[in-house]
């Protein structure tokens, strides 16, 4: 893991929910994770962590065919991307926009 960005915190009596973006040294690069903390008194009683493991489980051959959209972080088949852009020597692949419209 390279870094953690706190996107938002929800606080209630005896519990806190943190929505985080983790930046990792992996093809996925960044992903969203939710942690739910429950407290008893001044101690953490439990922690529940939720995130999608799918992007991490792809086989190497599949990973070569799949990219991660840098905007919405969805998996995109490289040869079926709605759009691609090159920046600083790296090609970025984009999925379709909501509503099924293609990016131009």
N, C-alpha and C. Protein backbone atom coordinates (compact mmCIF):
# COMPACT_ATOMS: atom_id res chain seq x y z
N UNK A 1 0.85 -1.16 0.00
CA UNK A 1 0.00 0.00 0.00
C UNK A 1 0.90 1.24 0.00
N UNK A 2 0.55 2.18 -0.84
CA UNK A 2 1.31 3.42 -0.92
C UNK A 2 0.73 4.51 -0.02
N UNK A 3 -0.60 4.63 -0.02
CA UNK A 3 -1.23 5.64 0.81
C UNK A 3 -2.72 5.34 0.99
N UNK A 4 -3.31 6.05 1.94
CA UNK A 4 -4.75 5.95 2.22
C UNK A 4 -5.31 7.36 2.20
N UNK A 5 -6.39 7.53 1.45
CA UNK A 5 -7.08 8.82 1.40
C UNK A 5 -8.44 8.65 2.06
N UNK A 6 -8.73 9.43 3.07
CA UNK A 6 -10.04 9.38 3.73
C UNK A 6 -11.00 10.21 2.89
N UNK A 7 -12.01 9.54 2.33
CA UNK A 7 -13.01 10.24 1.51
C UNK A 7 -14.07 10.87 2.37
N UNK A 8 -14.58 10.12 3.35
CA UNK A 8 -15.58 10.68 4.25
C UNK A 8 -15.70 9.81 5.48
N UNK A 9 -16.19 10.39 6.55
CA UNK A 9 -16.45 9.67 7.80
C UNK A 9 -17.89 9.93 8.21
N UNK A 10 -18.55 8.87 8.67
CA UNK A 10 -19.89 8.99 9.25
C UNK A 10 -19.76 8.57 10.69
N UNK A 11 -20.20 9.41 11.59
CA UNK A 11 -20.05 9.15 13.01
C UNK A 11 -21.42 9.11 13.68
N UNK A 12 -21.63 8.10 14.50
CA UNK A 12 -22.87 7.96 15.26
C UNK A 12 -22.47 7.45 16.65
N UNK A 13 -23.37 7.50 17.60
CA UNK A 13 -23.01 6.97 18.92
C UNK A 13 -22.56 5.51 18.81
N UNK A 14 -21.40 5.22 19.33
CA UNK A 14 -20.84 3.87 19.40
C UNK A 14 -20.47 3.25 18.05
N UNK A 15 -20.42 4.04 16.98
CA UNK A 15 -19.97 3.48 15.70
C UNK A 15 -19.49 4.58 14.77
N UNK A 16 -18.57 4.21 13.90
CA UNK A 16 -18.03 5.12 12.90
C UNK A 16 -17.85 4.34 11.61
N UNK A 17 -18.18 4.96 10.49
CA UNK A 17 -17.98 4.36 9.18
C UNK A 17 -17.01 5.25 8.42
N UNK A 18 -15.95 4.65 7.87
CA UNK A 18 -14.96 5.39 7.10
C UNK A 18 -14.97 4.87 5.67
N UNK A 19 -15.08 5.77 4.72
CA UNK A 19 -14.95 5.42 3.31
C UNK A 19 -13.59 5.91 2.86
N UNK A 20 -12.77 4.97 2.40
CA UNK A 20 -11.36 5.24 2.12
C UNK A 20 -11.03 4.90 0.67
N UNK A 21 -10.04 5.57 0.13
CA UNK A 21 -9.44 5.18 -1.14
C UNK A 21 -8.02 4.74 -0.82
N UNK A 22 -7.69 3.49 -1.17
CA UNK A 22 -6.36 2.97 -0.95
C UNK A 22 -5.58 3.02 -2.25
N UNK A 23 -4.38 3.54 -2.20
CA UNK A 23 -3.49 3.59 -3.35
C UNK A 23 -2.46 2.49 -3.12
N UNK A 24 -2.41 1.54 -4.08
CA UNK A 24 -1.59 0.35 -3.89
C UNK A 24 -0.59 0.17 -5.03
N UNK A 25 0.46 -0.57 -4.74
CA UNK A 25 1.48 -0.91 -5.74
C UNK A 25 1.02 -2.17 -6.45
N UNK A 26 0.04 -2.01 -7.35
CA UNK A 26 -0.60 -3.11 -8.06
C UNK A 26 -1.24 -2.54 -9.31
N UNK A 27 -1.55 -3.37 -10.30
CA UNK A 27 -2.18 -2.88 -11.52
C UNK A 27 -3.48 -2.14 -11.24
N UNK A 28 -4.16 -2.50 -10.16
CA UNK A 28 -5.43 -1.85 -9.80
C UNK A 28 -5.18 -0.38 -9.46
N UNK A 29 -4.05 -0.06 -8.89
CA UNK A 29 -3.59 1.27 -8.49
C UNK A 29 -4.34 1.88 -7.31
N UNK A 30 -5.67 1.92 -7.36
CA UNK A 30 -6.44 2.50 -6.27
C UNK A 30 -7.81 1.84 -6.23
N UNK A 31 -8.35 1.71 -5.03
CA UNK A 31 -9.68 1.12 -4.89
C UNK A 31 -10.34 1.67 -3.64
N UNK A 32 -11.66 1.57 -3.61
CA UNK A 32 -12.45 2.07 -2.48
C UNK A 32 -12.66 0.96 -1.47
N UNK A 33 -12.55 1.31 -0.21
CA UNK A 33 -12.76 0.37 0.88
C UNK A 33 -13.61 1.07 1.94
N UNK A 34 -14.49 0.31 2.57
CA UNK A 34 -15.32 0.83 3.65
C UNK A 34 -14.97 0.09 4.93
N UNK A 35 -14.76 0.82 6.00
CA UNK A 35 -14.51 0.21 7.32
C UNK A 35 -15.58 0.70 8.28
N UNK A 36 -16.17 -0.25 9.01
CA UNK A 36 -17.22 0.04 9.97
C UNK A 36 -16.70 -0.33 11.35
N UNK A 37 -16.52 0.66 12.21
CA UNK A 37 -16.01 0.45 13.56
C UNK A 37 -17.16 0.50 14.55
N UNK A 38 -17.23 -0.47 15.44
CA UNK A 38 -18.22 -0.46 16.52
C UNK A 38 -17.47 -0.39 17.85
N UNK A 39 -17.94 0.47 18.74
CA UNK A 39 -17.25 0.70 20.00
C UNK A 39 -18.07 0.22 21.18
N UNK A 40 -17.38 -0.25 22.19
CA UNK A 40 -17.97 -0.54 23.50
C UNK A 40 -17.16 0.25 24.50
N UNK A 41 -17.76 1.29 25.04
CA UNK A 41 -17.02 2.18 25.92
C UNK A 41 -15.98 2.93 25.11
N UNK A 42 -14.73 2.90 25.56
CA UNK A 42 -13.66 3.60 24.85
C UNK A 42 -12.80 2.64 24.03
N UNK A 43 -13.30 1.44 23.74
CA UNK A 43 -12.54 0.44 22.97
C UNK A 43 -13.29 0.05 21.70
N UNK A 44 -12.52 -0.32 20.68
CA UNK A 44 -13.11 -0.84 19.45
C UNK A 44 -13.56 -2.27 19.72
N UNK A 45 -14.85 -2.54 19.54
CA UNK A 45 -15.39 -3.88 19.77
C UNK A 45 -15.31 -4.74 18.50
N UNK A 46 -15.46 -4.10 17.35
CA UNK A 46 -15.36 -4.86 16.09
C UNK A 46 -15.07 -3.90 14.94
N UNK A 47 -14.49 -4.46 13.90
CA UNK A 47 -14.22 -3.72 12.67
C UNK A 47 -14.68 -4.61 11.52
N UNK A 48 -15.47 -4.04 10.63
CA UNK A 48 -15.90 -4.75 9.42
C UNK A 48 -15.32 -4.00 8.23
N UNK A 49 -14.63 -4.72 7.35
CA UNK A 49 -13.99 -4.12 6.18
C UNK A 49 -14.64 -4.69 4.93
N UNK A 50 -15.00 -3.82 4.00
CA UNK A 50 -15.68 -4.24 2.78
C UNK A 50 -14.98 -3.62 1.58
N UNK A 51 -14.61 -4.49 0.61
CA UNK A 51 -14.11 -4.01 -0.67
C UNK A 51 -14.21 -5.13 -1.70
N UNK A 52 -14.18 -4.78 -2.96
CA UNK A 52 -14.30 -5.74 -4.05
C UNK A 52 -12.92 -6.34 -4.33
N UNK A 53 -12.79 -7.66 -4.17
CA UNK A 53 -11.51 -8.33 -4.40
C UNK A 53 -11.31 -8.74 -5.86
N UNK A 54 -12.35 -8.64 -6.66
CA UNK A 54 -12.29 -9.09 -8.05
C UNK A 54 -11.08 -8.60 -8.83
N UNK A 55 -10.79 -7.31 -8.83
CA UNK A 55 -9.66 -6.82 -9.61
C UNK A 55 -8.32 -7.43 -9.18
N UNK A 56 -8.21 -7.89 -7.96
CA UNK A 56 -6.96 -8.46 -7.47
C UNK A 56 -6.81 -9.94 -7.81
N UNK A 57 -7.90 -10.60 -8.19
CA UNK A 57 -7.89 -12.04 -8.40
C UNK A 57 -7.73 -12.47 -9.84
N UNK A 58 -7.62 -11.54 -10.76
CA UNK A 58 -7.49 -11.90 -12.17
C UNK A 58 -6.18 -12.65 -12.42
N UNK A 59 -6.25 -13.57 -13.34
CA UNK A 59 -5.04 -14.29 -13.75
C UNK A 59 -4.18 -13.33 -14.57
N UNK A 60 -2.85 -13.55 -14.63
CA UNK A 60 -1.97 -12.65 -15.38
C UNK A 60 -2.43 -12.44 -16.83
N UNK A 61 -2.87 -13.51 -17.50
CA UNK A 61 -3.32 -13.36 -18.89
C UNK A 61 -4.54 -12.46 -18.97
N UNK A 62 -5.45 -12.58 -18.00
CA UNK A 62 -6.63 -11.72 -17.98
C UNK A 62 -6.24 -10.28 -17.66
N UNK A 63 -5.30 -10.10 -16.75
CA UNK A 63 -4.88 -8.75 -16.36
C UNK A 63 -4.32 -7.98 -17.55
N UNK A 64 -3.64 -8.70 -18.46
CA UNK A 64 -3.08 -8.04 -19.63
C UNK A 64 -4.18 -7.51 -20.54
N UNK A 65 -5.37 -8.13 -20.49
CA UNK A 65 -6.48 -7.73 -21.34
C UNK A 65 -7.37 -6.68 -20.68
N UNK A 66 -7.20 -6.45 -19.39
CA UNK A 66 -8.10 -5.59 -18.63
C UNK A 66 -7.35 -4.39 -18.07
N UNK A 67 -7.99 -3.23 -18.14
CA UNK A 67 -7.46 -2.02 -17.52
C UNK A 67 -8.48 -1.51 -16.52
N UNK A 68 -8.08 -0.56 -15.71
CA UNK A 68 -9.00 0.05 -14.75
C UNK A 68 -9.24 1.49 -15.17
N UNK A 69 -10.51 1.82 -15.37
CA UNK A 69 -10.89 3.19 -15.74
C UNK A 69 -10.42 4.13 -14.63
N UNK A 70 -9.61 5.16 -14.96
CA UNK A 70 -9.08 6.04 -13.92
C UNK A 70 -10.12 6.96 -13.28
N UNK A 71 -11.31 7.07 -13.88
CA UNK A 71 -12.34 7.95 -13.33
C UNK A 71 -13.27 7.19 -12.39
N UNK A 72 -13.86 6.09 -12.88
CA UNK A 72 -14.85 5.37 -12.07
C UNK A 72 -14.28 4.09 -11.46
N UNK A 73 -13.05 3.73 -11.84
CA UNK A 73 -12.35 2.56 -11.30
C UNK A 73 -13.00 1.23 -11.67
N UNK A 74 -13.80 1.22 -12.75
CA UNK A 74 -14.38 -0.02 -13.24
C UNK A 74 -13.37 -0.75 -14.11
N UNK A 75 -13.49 -2.07 -14.19
CA UNK A 75 -12.66 -2.86 -15.09
C UNK A 75 -13.12 -2.63 -16.52
N UNK A 76 -12.16 -2.49 -17.43
CA UNK A 76 -12.44 -2.23 -18.84
C UNK A 76 -11.59 -3.17 -19.68
N UNK A 77 -12.22 -3.88 -20.63
CA UNK A 77 -11.44 -4.66 -21.58
C UNK A 77 -10.69 -3.68 -22.46
N UNK A 78 -9.37 -3.83 -22.54
CA UNK A 78 -8.55 -2.86 -23.28
C UNK A 78 -9.00 -2.69 -24.73
N UNK A 79 -9.33 -3.80 -25.40
CA UNK A 79 -9.71 -3.69 -26.81
C UNK A 79 -11.18 -3.34 -27.01
N UNK A 80 -11.94 -3.14 -25.93
CA UNK A 80 -13.34 -2.75 -26.04
C UNK A 80 -13.63 -1.45 -25.29
N UNK A 81 -12.58 -0.72 -24.94
CA UNK A 81 -12.75 0.54 -24.19
C UNK A 81 -13.52 1.55 -25.04
N UNK A 82 -14.37 2.33 -24.39
CA UNK A 82 -15.13 3.36 -25.09
C UNK A 82 -14.20 4.46 -25.60
N UNK A 83 -13.11 4.68 -24.89
CA UNK A 83 -12.13 5.70 -25.30
C UNK A 83 -10.79 5.38 -24.65
N UNK A 84 -9.73 5.83 -25.28
CA UNK A 84 -8.39 5.72 -24.69
C UNK A 84 -7.71 7.07 -24.84
N UNK A 85 -6.84 7.36 -23.90
CA UNK A 85 -6.05 8.59 -23.95
C UNK A 85 -4.64 8.25 -23.47
N UNK A 86 -3.66 8.91 -24.06
CA UNK A 86 -2.28 8.72 -23.61
C UNK A 86 -1.83 9.99 -22.91
N UNK A 87 -1.17 9.79 -21.78
CA UNK A 87 -0.64 10.92 -21.02
C UNK A 87 0.65 10.48 -20.35
N UNK A 88 1.69 11.24 -20.53
CA UNK A 88 2.99 10.97 -19.92
C UNK A 88 3.47 9.55 -20.20
N UNK A 89 3.24 9.09 -21.43
CA UNK A 89 3.73 7.78 -21.83
C UNK A 89 2.88 6.60 -21.39
N UNK A 90 1.73 6.87 -20.80
CA UNK A 90 0.86 5.80 -20.33
C UNK A 90 -0.50 5.91 -21.02
N UNK A 91 -1.06 4.77 -21.41
CA UNK A 91 -2.37 4.76 -22.06
C UNK A 91 -3.44 4.46 -21.01
N UNK A 92 -4.48 5.30 -20.98
CA UNK A 92 -5.60 5.13 -20.06
C UNK A 92 -6.81 4.67 -20.86
N UNK A 93 -7.54 3.70 -20.31
CA UNK A 93 -8.73 3.13 -20.96
C UNK A 93 -9.96 3.53 -20.17
N UNK A 94 -11.00 3.96 -20.88
CA UNK A 94 -12.21 4.45 -20.23
C UNK A 94 -13.41 3.58 -20.60
N UNK A 95 -14.27 3.36 -19.61
CA UNK A 95 -15.50 2.62 -19.84
C UNK A 95 -16.55 3.55 -20.41
N UNK A 96 -17.70 3.00 -20.73
CA UNK A 96 -18.81 3.83 -21.22
C UNK A 96 -19.31 4.73 -20.11
N UNK A 97 -19.79 5.88 -20.48
CA UNK A 97 -20.39 6.80 -19.51
C UNK A 97 -21.76 6.30 -19.12
N UNK A 98 -22.28 6.71 -17.95
CA UNK A 98 -23.64 6.33 -17.57
C UNK A 98 -24.63 6.70 -18.66
N UNK A 99 -25.61 5.86 -18.85
CA UNK A 99 -26.61 6.11 -19.89
C UNK A 99 -26.23 5.48 -21.21
N UNK A 100 -25.09 4.81 -21.26
CA UNK A 100 -24.70 4.09 -22.46
C UNK A 100 -24.11 4.93 -23.57
N UNK A 101 -23.90 6.23 -23.34
CA UNK A 101 -23.31 7.07 -24.38
C UNK A 101 -21.81 6.85 -24.44
N UNK A 102 -21.28 6.90 -25.62
CA UNK A 102 -19.84 6.72 -25.76
C UNK A 102 -19.12 8.04 -25.49
N UNK A 103 -17.92 7.92 -24.92
CA UNK A 103 -17.08 9.11 -24.74
C UNK A 103 -16.48 9.47 -26.09
N UNK A 104 -16.27 10.73 -26.32
CA UNK A 104 -15.67 11.16 -27.60
C UNK A 104 -14.30 11.74 -27.33
